[in-house]
PDB file of all heavy atoms in Angstrom:
ATOM      1  N   LEU A   1      35.292 135.614  97.927  1.00  0.00           N
ATOM      2  CA  LEU A   1      33.976 136.228  97.951  1.00  0.00           C
ATOM      3  C   LEU A   1      33.972 137.456  97.015  1.00  0.00           C
ATOM      4  O   LEU A   1      32.851 137.930  96.719  1.00  0.00           O
ATOM      5  CB  LEU A   1      33.557 136.642  99.368  1.00  0.00           C
ATOM      6  CG  LEU A   1      33.295 135.497 100.346  1.00  0.00           C
ATOM      7  CD1 LEU A   1      32.844 135.968 101.696  1.00  0.00           C
ATOM      8  CD2 LEU A   1      32.209 134.508  99.791  1.00  0.00           C
ATOM      9  N   ALA A   2      35.099 138.055  96.709  1.00  0.00           N
ATOM     10  CA  ALA A   2      35.162 139.154  95.770  1.00  0.00           C
ATOM     11  C   ALA A   2      35.176 138.694  94.335  1.00  0.00           C
ATOM     12  O   ALA A   2      35.433 137.593  94.034  1.00  0.00           O
ATOM     13  CB  ALA A   2      36.380 140.004  96.112  1.00  0.00           C
ATOM     14  N   ALA A   3      34.945 139.670  93.420  1.00  0.00           N
ATOM     15  CA  ALA A   3      35.005 139.325  92.038  1.00  0.00           C
ATOM     16  C   ALA A   3      36.437 138.912  91.705  1.00  0.00           C
ATOM     17  O   ALA A   3      37.438 139.566  92.136  1.00  0.00           O
ATOM     18  CB  ALA A   3      34.651 140.510  91.180  1.00  0.00           C
ATOM     19  N   PRO A   4      36.701 137.926  90.898  1.00  0.00           N
ATOM     20  CA  PRO A   4      38.026 137.513  90.552  1.00  0.00           C
ATOM     21  C   PRO A   4      38.729 138.551  89.661  1.00  0.00           C
ATOM     22  O   PRO A   4      38.095 139.401  89.052  1.00  0.00           O
ATOM     23  CB  PRO A   4      37.883 136.212  89.719  1.00  0.00           C
ATOM     24  CG  PRO A   4      36.477 135.717  90.064  1.00  0.00           C
ATOM     25  CD  PRO A   4      35.666 136.986  90.363  1.00  0.00           C
ATOM     26  N   PRO A   5      40.056 138.642  89.742  1.00  0.00           N
ATOM     27  CA  PRO A   5      40.742 139.605  88.897  1.00  0.00           C
ATOM     28  C   PRO A   5      40.441 139.478  87.471  1.00  0.00           C
ATOM     29  O   PRO A   5      40.000 138.384  86.961  1.00  0.00           O
ATOM     30  CB  PRO A   5      42.243 139.310  89.152  1.00  0.00           C
ATOM     31  CG  PRO A   5      42.249 138.492  90.453  1.00  0.00           C
ATOM     32  CD  PRO A   5      41.007 137.786  90.487  1.00  0.00           C
ATOM     33  N   PRO A   6      40.523 140.590  86.639  1.00  0.00           N
ATOM     34  CA  PRO A   6      40.209 140.577  85.234  1.00  0.00           C
ATOM     35  C   PRO A   6      41.024 139.478  84.533  1.00  0.00           C
ATOM     36  O   PRO A   6      42.188 139.295  84.819  1.00  0.00           O
ATOM     37  CB  PRO A   6      40.599 142.016  84.755  1.00  0.00           C
ATOM     38  CG  PRO A   6      40.482 142.770  85.997  1.00  0.00           C
ATOM     39  CD  PRO A   6      40.889 141.937  87.159  1.00  0.00           C
ATOM     40  N   GLY A   7      40.325 138.769  83.642  1.00  0.00           N
ATOM     41  CA  GLY A   7      40.982 137.736  82.834  1.00  0.00           C
ATOM     42  C   GLY A   7      40.843 136.373  83.348  1.00  0.00           C
ATOM     43  O   GLY A   7      41.046 135.410  82.638  1.00  0.00           O
ATOM     44  N   VAL A   8      40.507 136.193  84.655  1.00  0.00           N
ATOM     45  CA  VAL A   8      40.482 134.898  85.252  1.00  0.00           C
ATOM     46  C   VAL A   8      39.268 134.115  84.683  1.00  0.00           C
ATOM     47  O   VAL A   8      39.425 132.986  84.195  1.00  0.00           O
ATOM     48  CB  VAL A   8      40.399 134.968  86.738  1.00  0.00           C
ATOM     49  CG1 VAL A   8      40.004 133.561  87.368  1.00  0.00           C
ATOM     50  CG2 VAL A   8      41.738 135.504  87.363  1.00  0.00           C
ATOM     51  N   LEU A   9      38.094 134.723  84.755  1.00  0.00           N
ATOM     52  CA  LEU A   9      36.940 134.005  84.316  1.00  0.00           C
ATOM     53  C   LEU A   9      36.928 133.780  82.860  1.00  0.00           C
ATOM     54  O   LEU A   9      36.516 132.626  82.362  1.00  0.00           O
ATOM     55  CB  LEU A   9      35.664 134.773  84.740  1.00  0.00           C
ATOM     56  CG  LEU A   9      35.405 134.972  86.249  1.00  0.00           C
ATOM     57  CD1 LEU A   9      34.123 135.721  86.459  1.00  0.00           C
ATOM     58  CD2 LEU A   9      35.510 133.687  86.994  1.00  0.00           C
ATOM     59  N   ASP A  10      37.405 134.654  82.049  1.00  0.00           N
ATOM     60  CA  ASP A  10      37.494 134.472  80.636  1.00  0.00           C
ATOM     61  C   ASP A  10      38.486 133.286  80.272  1.00  0.00           C
ATOM     62  O   ASP A  10      38.144 132.463  79.414  1.00  0.00           O
ATOM     63  CB  ASP A  10      37.968 135.715  79.894  1.00  0.00           C
ATOM     64  CG  ASP A  10      36.850 136.753  79.830  1.00  0.00           C
ATOM     65  OD1 ASP A  10      35.651 136.444  80.080  1.00  0.00           O
ATOM     66  OD2 ASP A  10      37.200 137.933  79.584  1.00  0.00           O
ATOM     67  N   ALA A  11      39.523 133.224  80.986  1.00  0.00           N
ATOM     68  CA  ALA A  11      40.456 132.119  80.792  1.00  0.00           C
ATOM     69  C   ALA A  11      39.891 130.776  81.117  1.00  0.00           C
ATOM     70  O   ALA A  11      40.170 129.758  80.423  1.00  0.00           O
ATOM     71  CB  ALA A  11      41.803 132.476  81.585  1.00  0.00           C
ATOM     72  N   VAL A  12      39.149 130.757  82.224  1.00  0.00           N
ATOM     73  CA  VAL A  12      38.566 129.521  82.629  1.00  0.00           C
ATOM     74  C   VAL A  12      37.496 129.010  81.670  1.00  0.00           C
ATOM     75  O   VAL A  12      37.388 127.874  81.287  1.00  0.00           O
ATOM     76  CB  VAL A  12      37.982 129.654  84.114  1.00  0.00           C
ATOM     77  CG1 VAL A  12      37.199 128.376  84.483  1.00  0.00           C
ATOM     78  CG2 VAL A  12      39.140 129.882  85.080  1.00  0.00           C
ATOM     79  N   ARG A  13      36.648 130.027  81.273  1.00  0.00           N
ATOM     80  CA  ARG A  13      35.569 129.665  80.257  1.00  0.00           C
ATOM     81  C   ARG A  13      36.206 129.159  79.011  1.00  0.00           C
ATOM     82  O   ARG A  13      35.716 128.267  78.324  1.00  0.00           O
ATOM     83  CB  ARG A  13      34.694 130.865  80.025  1.00  0.00           C
ATOM     84  CG  ARG A  13      33.849 131.302  81.213  1.00  0.00           C
ATOM     85  CD  ARG A  13      32.900 132.479  80.894  1.00  0.00           C
ATOM     86  NE  ARG A  13      32.326 133.038  82.007  1.00  0.00           N
ATOM     87  CZ  ARG A  13      32.483 134.340  82.443  1.00  0.00           C
ATOM     88  NH1 ARG A  13      33.443 135.055  81.829  1.00  0.00           N
ATOM     89  NH2 ARG A  13      31.906 134.782  83.499  1.00  0.00           N
ATOM     90  N   ALA A  14      37.282 129.861  78.540  1.00  0.00           N
ATOM     91  CA  ALA A  14      37.912 129.467  77.232  1.00  0.00           C
ATOM     92  C   ALA A  14      38.549 128.021  77.410  1.00  0.00           C
ATOM     93  O   ALA A  14      38.419 127.223  76.476  1.00  0.00           O
ATOM     94  CB  ALA A  14      39.007 130.398  76.969  1.00  0.00           C
ATOM     95  N   ALA A  15      39.055 127.645  78.520  1.00  0.00           N
ATOM     96  CA  ALA A  15      39.619 126.334  78.786  1.00  0.00           C
ATOM     97  C   ALA A  15      38.460 125.293  78.665  1.00  0.00           C
ATOM     98  O   ALA A  15      38.652 124.218  78.011  1.00  0.00           O
ATOM     99  CB  ALA A  15      40.291 126.234  80.117  1.00  0.00           C
ATOM    100  N   ALA A  16      37.315 125.530  79.340  1.00  0.00           N
ATOM    101  CA  ALA A  16      36.183 124.705  79.247  1.00  0.00           C
ATOM    102  C   ALA A  16      35.677 124.530  77.814  1.00  0.00           C
ATOM    103  O   ALA A  16      35.319 123.392  77.419  1.00  0.00           O
ATOM    104  CB  ALA A  16      35.047 125.171  80.178  1.00  0.00           C
ATOM    105  N   ALA A  17      35.654 125.637  77.050  1.00  0.00           N
ATOM    106  CA  ALA A  17      35.216 125.550  75.670  1.00  0.00           C
ATOM    107  C   ALA A  17      36.088 124.765  74.821  1.00  0.00           C
ATOM    108  O   ALA A  17      35.661 124.142  73.912  1.00  0.00           O
ATOM    109  CB  ALA A  17      35.125 127.053  75.185  1.00  0.00           C
ATOM    110  N   ARG A  18      37.424 124.722  75.127  1.00  0.00           N
ATOM    111  CA  ARG A  18      38.345 123.876  74.431  1.00  0.00           C
ATOM    112  C   ARG A  18      38.233 122.380  74.782  1.00  0.00           C
ATOM    113  O   ARG A  18      38.859 121.541  74.195  1.00  0.00           O
ATOM    114  CB  ARG A  18      39.833 124.365  74.713  1.00  0.00           C
ATOM    115  CG  ARG A  18      40.194 125.708  74.102  1.00  0.00           C
ATOM    116  CD  ARG A  18      41.687 125.891  74.215  1.00  0.00           C
ATOM    117  NE  ARG A  18      42.157 126.016  75.573  1.00  0.00           N
ATOM    118  CZ  ARG A  18      42.251 127.117  76.256  1.00  0.00           C
ATOM    119  NH1 ARG A  18      41.861 128.283  75.657  1.00  0.00           N
ATOM    120  NH2 ARG A  18      42.656 127.113  77.466  1.00  0.00           N
ATOM    121  N   GLY A  19      37.471 122.065  75.809  1.00  0.00           N
ATOM    122  CA  GLY A  19      37.279 120.689  76.204  1.00  0.00           C
ATOM    123  C   GLY A  19      38.170 120.289  77.457  1.00  0.00           C
ATOM    124  O   GLY A  19      38.192 119.061  77.679  1.00  0.00           O
ATOM    125  N   SER A  20      38.758 121.247  78.104  1.00  0.00           N
ATOM    126  CA  SER A  20      39.543 120.850  79.232  1.00  0.00           C
ATOM    127  C   SER A  20      38.649 120.518  80.385  1.00  0.00           C
ATOM    128  O   SER A  20      37.533 121.054  80.562  1.00  0.00           O
ATOM    129  CB  SER A  20      40.442 122.027  79.699  1.00  0.00           C
ATOM    130  OG  SER A  20      41.318 122.413  78.602  1.00  0.00           O
ATOM    131  N   ARG A  21      39.127 119.563  81.243  1.00  0.00           N
ATOM    132  CA  ARG A  21      38.489 119.400  82.549  1.00  0.00           C
ATOM    133  C   ARG A  21      38.729 120.626  83.367  1.00  0.00           C
ATOM    134  O   ARG A  21      39.877 121.171  83.300  1.00  0.00           O
ATOM    135  CB  ARG A  21      39.079 118.175  83.233  1.00  0.00           C
ATOM    136  CG  ARG A  21      38.736 116.820  82.565  1.00  0.00           C
ATOM    137  CD  ARG A  21      39.269 115.657  83.399  1.00  0.00           C
ATOM    138  NE  ARG A  21      40.602 115.646  83.671  1.00  0.00           N
ATOM    139  CZ  ARG A  21      41.443 114.694  83.260  1.00  0.00           C
ATOM    140  NH1 ARG A  21      41.031 113.622  82.582  1.00  0.00           N
ATOM    141  NH2 ARG A  21      42.712 114.757  83.583  1.00  0.00           N
ATOM    142  N   VAL A  22      37.794 121.080  84.179  1.00  0.00           N
ATOM    143  CA  VAL A  22      38.014 122.180  85.050  1.00  0.00           C
ATOM    144  C   VAL A  22      37.621 121.768  86.418  1.00  0.00           C
ATOM    145  O   VAL A  22      36.599 121.242  86.707  1.00  0.00           O
ATOM    146  CB  VAL A  22      37.133 123.401  84.577  1.00  0.00           C
ATOM    147  CG1 VAL A  22      37.370 124.628  85.484  1.00  0.00           C
ATOM    148  CG2 VAL A  22      37.339 123.724  83.125  1.00  0.00           C
ATOM    149  N   ALA A  23      38.575 122.019  87.366  1.00  0.00           N
ATOM    150  CA  ALA A  23      38.435 121.577  88.722  1.00  0.00           C
ATOM    151  C   ALA A  23      38.664 122.713  89.712  1.00  0.00           C
ATOM    152  O   ALA A  23      39.241 123.773  89.290  1.00  0.00           O
ATOM    153  CB  ALA A  23      39.448 120.457  89.067  1.00  0.00           C
ATOM    154  N   ALA A  24      38.236 122.539  90.904  1.00  0.00           N
ATOM    155  CA  ALA A  24      38.457 123.566  91.935  1.00  0.00           C
ATOM    156  C   ALA A  24      38.698 122.918  93.274  1.00  0.00           C
ATOM    157  O   ALA A  24      38.127 121.823  93.534  1.00  0.00           O
ATOM    158  CB  ALA A  24      37.271 124.511  92.108  1.00  0.00           C
ATOM    159  N   VAL A  25      39.607 123.511  94.071  1.00  0.00           N
ATOM    160  CA  VAL A  25      39.915 122.977  95.414  1.00  0.00           C
ATOM    161  C   VAL A  25      39.439 123.983  96.405  1.00  0.00           C
ATOM    162  O   VAL A  25      39.696 125.178  96.364  1.00  0.00           O
ATOM    163  CB  VAL A  25      41.419 122.751  95.560  1.00  0.00           C
ATOM    164  CG1 VAL A  25      41.785 122.261  96.966  1.00  0.00           C
ATOM    165  CG2 VAL A  25      41.997 121.841  94.539  1.00  0.00           C
ATOM    166  N   GLY A  26      38.659 123.489  97.435  1.00  0.00           N
ATOM    167  CA  GLY A  26      38.191 124.325  98.498  1.00  0.00           C
ATOM    168  C   GLY A  26      37.425 125.527  98.046  1.00  0.00           C
ATOM    169  O   GLY A  26      36.462 125.413  97.235  1.00  0.00           O
ATOM    170  N   THR A  27      37.842 126.706  98.449  1.00  0.00           N
ATOM    171  CA  THR A  27      37.158 127.922  98.080  1.00  0.00           C
ATOM    172  C   THR A  27      37.324 128.327  96.612  1.00  0.00           C
ATOM    173  O   THR A  27      36.679 129.231  96.107  1.00  0.00           O
ATOM    174  CB  THR A  27      37.530 129.127  98.974  1.00  0.00           C
ATOM    175  OG1 THR A  27      38.950 129.290  98.812  1.00  0.00           O
ATOM    176  CG2 THR A  27      37.142 128.864 100.412  1.00  0.00           C
ATOM    177  N   GLY A  28      38.173 127.618  95.876  1.00  0.00           N
ATOM    178  CA  GLY A  28      38.290 127.837  94.462  1.00  0.00           C
ATOM    179  C   GLY A  28      36.960 127.543  93.768  1.00  0.00           C
ATOM    180  O   GLY A  28      36.739 128.037  92.645  1.00  0.00           O
ATOM    181  N   THR A  29      36.085 126.784  94.396  1.00  0.00           N
ATOM    182  CA  THR A  29      34.753 126.499  93.846  1.00  0.00           C
ATOM    183  C   THR A  29      33.935 127.791  93.681  1.00  0.00           C
ATOM    184  O   THR A  29      33.203 127.941  92.698  1.00  0.00           O
ATOM    185  CB  THR A  29      33.977 125.483  94.744  1.00  0.00           C
ATOM    186  OG1 THR A  29      34.760 124.261  94.796  1.00  0.00           O
ATOM    187  CG2 THR A  29      32.642 125.101  94.033  1.00  0.00           C
ATOM    188  N   PHE A  30      34.092 128.706  94.595  1.00  0.00           N
ATOM    189  CA  PHE A  30      33.397 129.981  94.421  1.00  0.00           C
ATOM    190  C   PHE A  30      33.877 130.702  93.132  1.00  0.00           C
ATOM    191  O   PHE A  30      33.042 131.311  92.437  1.00  0.00           O
ATOM    192  CB  PHE A  30      33.747 130.912  95.618  1.00  0.00           C
ATOM    193  CG  PHE A  30      32.976 130.547  96.926  1.00  0.00           C
ATOM    194  CD1 PHE A  30      33.399 129.499  97.668  1.00  0.00           C
ATOM    195  CD2 PHE A  30      31.791 131.250  97.237  1.00  0.00           C
ATOM    196  CE1 PHE A  30      32.700 129.178  98.809  1.00  0.00           C
ATOM    197  CE2 PHE A  30      31.135 130.870  98.418  1.00  0.00           C
ATOM    198  CZ  PHE A  30      31.591 129.856  99.197  1.00  0.00           C
ATOM    199  N   THR A  31      35.162 130.639  92.844  1.00  0.00           N
ATOM    200  CA  THR A  31      35.659 131.303  91.603  1.00  0.00           C
ATOM    201  C   THR A  31      35.088 130.571  90.374  1.00  0.00           C
ATOM    202  O   THR A  31      34.678 131.226  89.444  1.00  0.00           O
ATOM    203  CB  THR A  31      37.217 131.314  91.592  1.00  0.00           C
ATOM    204  OG1 THR A  31      37.679 131.902  92.812  1.00  0.00           O
ATOM    205  CG2 THR A  31      37.720 132.016  90.358  1.00  0.00           C
ATOM    206  N   LEU A  32      35.077 129.225  90.424  1.00  0.00           N
ATOM    207  CA  LEU A  32      34.541 128.465  89.318  1.00  0.00           C
ATOM    208  C   LEU A  32      33.070 128.759  89.132  1.00  0.00           C
ATOM    209  O   LEU A  32      32.613 128.899  88.073  1.00  0.00           O
ATOM    210  CB  LEU A  32      34.826 126.997  89.529  1.00  0.00           C
ATOM    211  CG  LEU A  32      34.330 126.021  88.434  1.00  0.00           C
ATOM    212  CD1 LEU A  32      34.863 126.410  87.035  1.00  0.00           C
ATOM    213  CD2 LEU A  32      34.707 124.569  88.770  1.00  0.00           C
ATOM    214  N   ALA A  33      32.336 128.848  90.235  1.00  0.00           N
ATOM    215  CA  ALA A  33      30.890 129.135  90.188  1.00  0.00           C
ATOM    216  C   ALA A  33      30.623 130.517  89.588  1.00  0.00           C
ATOM    217  O   ALA A  33      29.606 130.711  88.888  1.00  0.00           O
ATOM    218  CB  ALA A  33      30.268 128.959  91.592  1.00  0.00           C
TER     219      ALA A  33
END
């Protein structure tokens, strides 16, 4: 429920921009959202 640590969201967005599949398990969906 808290803001993810610095660097996490940028790394995930960069992976998506490269064409990677991006998945989340359980509450990991909150981080992805």
